Protein backbone atom coordinates (compact mmCIF):
# COMPACT_ATOMS: atom_id res chain seq x y z
CA MET A 1 0.00 0.00 0.00
CA ASN A 2 1.29 3.45 -0.74
CA LYS A 3 1.80 5.93 2.06
CA PRO A 4 -0.75 8.65 1.04
CA PHE A 5 -3.51 6.07 0.65
CA SER A 6 -2.85 4.52 4.10
CA LEU A 7 -2.82 7.99 5.73
CA ILE A 8 -6.18 8.85 4.15
CA LEU A 9 -7.62 5.48 5.16
CA THR A 10 -6.39 5.95 8.76
CA PHE A 11 -7.85 9.47 8.89
CA LEU A 12 -11.24 8.25 7.60
CA LEU A 13 -11.29 5.37 10.08
CA VAL A 14 -10.59 7.73 13.00
CA ALA A 15 -13.20 10.24 11.79
CA VAL A 16 -15.91 7.58 11.40
CA THR A 17 -15.10 6.17 14.85
CA LEU A 18 -15.32 9.59 16.50
CA VAL A 19 -18.66 10.37 14.85
CA ALA A 20 -20.12 6.95 15.59
CA PHE A 21 -19.20 6.94 19.28
CA ARG A 22 -19.88 10.53 20.25
CA PRO A 23 -22.50 10.83 22.99
CA ARG A 24 -26.01 11.75 21.94
CA PRO A 25 -27.17 15.09 23.42
CA GLU A 26 -29.99 13.42 25.36
CA ALA A 27 -27.50 10.92 26.80
CA VAL A 28 -25.23 13.62 28.21
CA LYS A 29 -26.38 14.24 31.77
CA GLU A 30 -25.45 17.49 33.43
CA GLU A 31 -23.77 16.92 36.76
CA ALA A 32 -25.53 18.40 39.77
CA LYS A 33 -23.55 21.23 41.27
CA ILE A 34 -23.56 22.84 44.67
CA LYS A 35 -23.16 26.61 44.53
CA TRP A 36 -20.02 26.88 46.65
CA LEU A 37 -19.12 30.15 48.35
CA THR A 38 -16.20 31.35 50.42
CA ILE A 39 -16.87 31.73 54.12
CA GLU A 40 -16.64 35.51 53.72
CA GLU A 41 -19.26 35.47 50.94
CA ALA A 42 -21.61 33.32 53.02
CA PHE A 43 -21.11 35.60 56.03
CA ALA A 44 -21.96 38.69 53.95
CA LEU A 45 -25.01 37.06 52.33
CA ASN A 46 -26.20 35.85 55.72
CA GLN A 47 -26.17 39.43 57.04
CA LYS A 48 -28.70 40.43 54.34
CA ASN A 49 -30.70 37.21 54.02
CA PRO A 50 -30.24 34.84 57.00
CA LYS A 51 -30.00 31.18 56.08
CA LYS A 52 -28.29 28.13 57.54
CA ILE A 53 -24.67 27.62 56.54
CA PHE A 54 -23.16 24.31 55.49
CA ILE A 55 -19.33 24.17 55.60
CA ASP A 56 -17.27 21.41 54.01
CA VAL A 57 -13.94 21.43 55.85
CA TYR A 58 -11.36 19.61 53.74
CA THR A 59 -7.67 19.46 52.83
CA ASP A 60 -6.00 19.05 49.45
CA TRP A 61 -4.40 15.74 50.48
CA CYS A 62 -7.57 14.14 51.89
CA GLY A 63 -8.66 11.20 49.73
CA TRP A 64 -12.07 10.79 51.38
CA CYS A 65 -12.73 14.51 50.81
CA LYS A 66 -12.34 13.90 47.07
CA VAL A 67 -14.68 10.89 47.24
CA MET A 68 -17.24 13.01 49.10
CA ASP A 69 -17.01 15.66 46.35
CA ARG A 70 -17.36 13.07 43.59
CA GLU A 71 -20.07 10.82 45.08
CA THR A 72 -22.04 12.78 47.64
CA PHE A 73 -21.89 16.47 46.77
CA SER A 74 -22.55 15.74 43.08
CA ASN A 75 -25.73 13.80 43.85
CA PRO A 76 -28.65 15.78 42.35
CA SER A 77 -30.93 15.42 45.40
CA VAL A 78 -28.14 16.44 47.79
CA ALA A 79 -27.03 19.39 45.65
CA ASP A 80 -30.59 20.61 45.14
CA TYR A 81 -31.45 20.48 48.86
CA ILE A 82 -28.23 22.22 49.89
CA ASN A 83 -28.65 24.97 47.28
CA LYS A 84 -32.23 25.65 48.43
CA ASN A 85 -31.67 25.53 52.19
CA TYR A 86 -28.07 26.53 52.93
CA TYR A 87 -25.24 28.81 52.01
CA ALA A 88 -22.66 26.19 51.03
CA VAL A 89 -19.01 26.86 51.89
CA LYS A 90 -15.81 25.00 51.07
CA LEU A 91 -13.08 25.68 53.62
CA ASN A 92 -9.55 24.37 53.13
CA ALA A 93 -8.40 23.62 56.68
CA GLU A 94 -4.81 24.35 55.66
CA GLN A 95 -5.31 27.54 53.66
CA LYS A 96 -2.76 30.22 54.42
CA GLU A 97 -4.92 33.29 53.73
CA ASP A 98 -6.40 35.18 56.68
CA ILE A 99 -10.17 35.14 57.10
CA VAL A 100 -12.04 38.07 58.60
CA LEU A 101 -15.63 37.55 59.72
CA GLY A 102 -17.06 40.71 61.23
CA LYS A 103 -14.63 41.74 63.96
CA ASP A 104 -12.95 38.32 64.17
CA LYS A 105 -9.74 37.48 62.30
CA PHE A 106 -8.59 33.89 61.79
CA VAL A 107 -5.08 33.03 60.59
CA TYR A 108 -2.99 30.08 59.47
CA VAL A 109 -0.93 28.43 62.20
CA ALA A 110 2.30 26.88 60.90
CA GLN A 111 3.15 23.53 62.44
CA GLY A 112 6.05 21.54 60.99
CA ASN A 113 5.58 20.74 57.30
CA ARG A 114 1.88 21.42 57.57
CA GLY A 115 -0.28 23.65 59.63
CA TYR A 116 -3.93 24.44 60.15
CA HIS A 117 -6.24 27.38 59.91
CA GLN A 118 -7.64 28.79 63.16
CA LEU A 119 -11.15 28.93 61.71
CA ALA A 120 -11.06 25.23 60.84
CA ALA A 121 -9.87 24.40 64.37
CA ALA A 122 -12.64 26.54 65.88
CA LEU A 123 -15.36 25.02 63.69
CA LEU A 124 -14.13 21.47 64.36
CA GLN A 125 -13.76 22.09 68.10
CA ASN A 126 -10.02 21.34 67.76
CA GLN A 127 -10.79 17.84 66.42
CA LEU A 128 -9.05 18.20 63.05
CA SER A 129 -10.53 15.34 61.05
CA TYR A 130 -11.28 15.39 57.33
CA PRO A 131 -13.71 15.47 55.76
CA THR A 132 -15.96 17.11 58.32
CA VAL A 133 -19.07 19.08 57.52
CA VAL A 134 -20.20 21.79 59.91
CA PHE A 135 -23.74 23.08 60.14
CA MET A 136 -24.39 26.60 61.41
CA ASN A 137 -27.67 28.34 62.12
CA GLU A 138 -28.85 31.65 60.70
CA LYS A 139 -27.07 33.51 63.52
CA PHE A 140 -23.73 31.98 62.45
CA GLN A 141 -23.65 29.73 65.53
CA ALA A 142 -22.49 26.14 65.25
CA ILE A 143 -25.21 23.51 65.30
CA GLN A 144 -23.09 20.41 64.79
CA PRO A 145 -19.88 19.23 63.13
CA VAL A 146 -20.28 15.83 61.45
CA PRO A 147 -16.98 14.05 60.67
CA GLY A 148 -16.27 11.43 58.04
CA PHE A 149 -17.29 10.37 54.57
CA MET A 150 -21.02 9.82 54.05
CA LYS A 151 -22.81 8.26 51.10
CA PRO A 152 -25.67 10.28 49.55
CA PRO A 153 -28.59 8.50 51.32
CA VAL A 154 -27.13 9.03 54.80
CA PHE A 155 -25.97 12.55 53.99
CA HIS A 156 -29.41 13.50 52.65
CA GLN A 157 -30.95 12.41 55.94
CA ILE A 158 -28.52 14.64 57.85
CA ILE A 159 -28.98 17.74 55.69
CA THR A 160 -32.78 17.45 55.86
CA PHE A 161 -32.70 16.79 59.61
CA ILE A 162 -30.81 20.02 60.19
CA GLY A 163 -32.11 22.05 57.23
CA GLY A 164 -35.73 21.39 58.18
CA ASP A 165 -35.10 22.22 61.88
CA HIS A 166 -36.09 18.68 62.88
CA TYR A 167 -33.05 18.56 65.20
CA LYS A 168 -34.96 20.97 67.47
CA SER A 169 -37.90 18.63 68.03
CA GLU A 170 -36.86 14.99 67.64
CA PRO A 171 -33.83 12.69 67.93
CA PHE A 172 -32.07 11.78 64.68
CA GLU A 173 -32.88 8.06 64.97
CA GLN A 174 -36.59 8.85 65.26
CA PHE A 175 -36.38 11.32 62.38
CA LYS A 176 -34.79 8.70 60.09
CA THR A 177 -37.50 6.11 60.67
CA THR A 178 -40.58 8.34 60.75
CA THR A 179 -40.38 11.94 59.54
CA TYR A 180 -37.76 11.35 56.85
CA THR A 181 -39.58 8.42 55.25
CA LYS A 182 -42.87 10.38 55.19
CA LYS A 183 -41.60 13.82 54.18
CA TYR A 184 -38.51 13.25 52.03
CA SER A 185 -39.07 10.52 49.48
CA VAL A 186 -36.23 11.01 47.00
CA LYS A 187 -34.22 8.61 44.89
CA LEU A 188 -30.56 8.68 45.81
């Protein structure tokens, strides 16, 4: 076979393959996205329009944090509920930039090769464990830090328990078996 003919044949084969196996528009599903804010943005928005705050405290090296992003936070039911009921914040527990919230200033504390941010330590009650999500009320007061990776069904129960103020009137175990099953029937 001559060289120009084999190049043309190869090009046509690649072109046909690309066209044949491209995804159909209806098959391409848009990934659910949480509208992430900085803590400063959430603080400012909360001053004008009070809402609960959800804070994902993570580090760049945390493997389970990445799994939580990929599996839990991208779940459409989880993302939708968080976007409707919370200001969602991502906070790198090892970020070096200062954070000012009102009159309070939080800084990075160097410690060996790594360090931690004072705000992360305060939110996690000095129990630096990642991932941890922290729930705050409309007055910017901590409700509860919840450590560890959670799959979407469990996480959805937690965000609805706190987001719907059920934590004020019933224990979580009771909520899961009664209120949640009646009020929040979603596919996860």
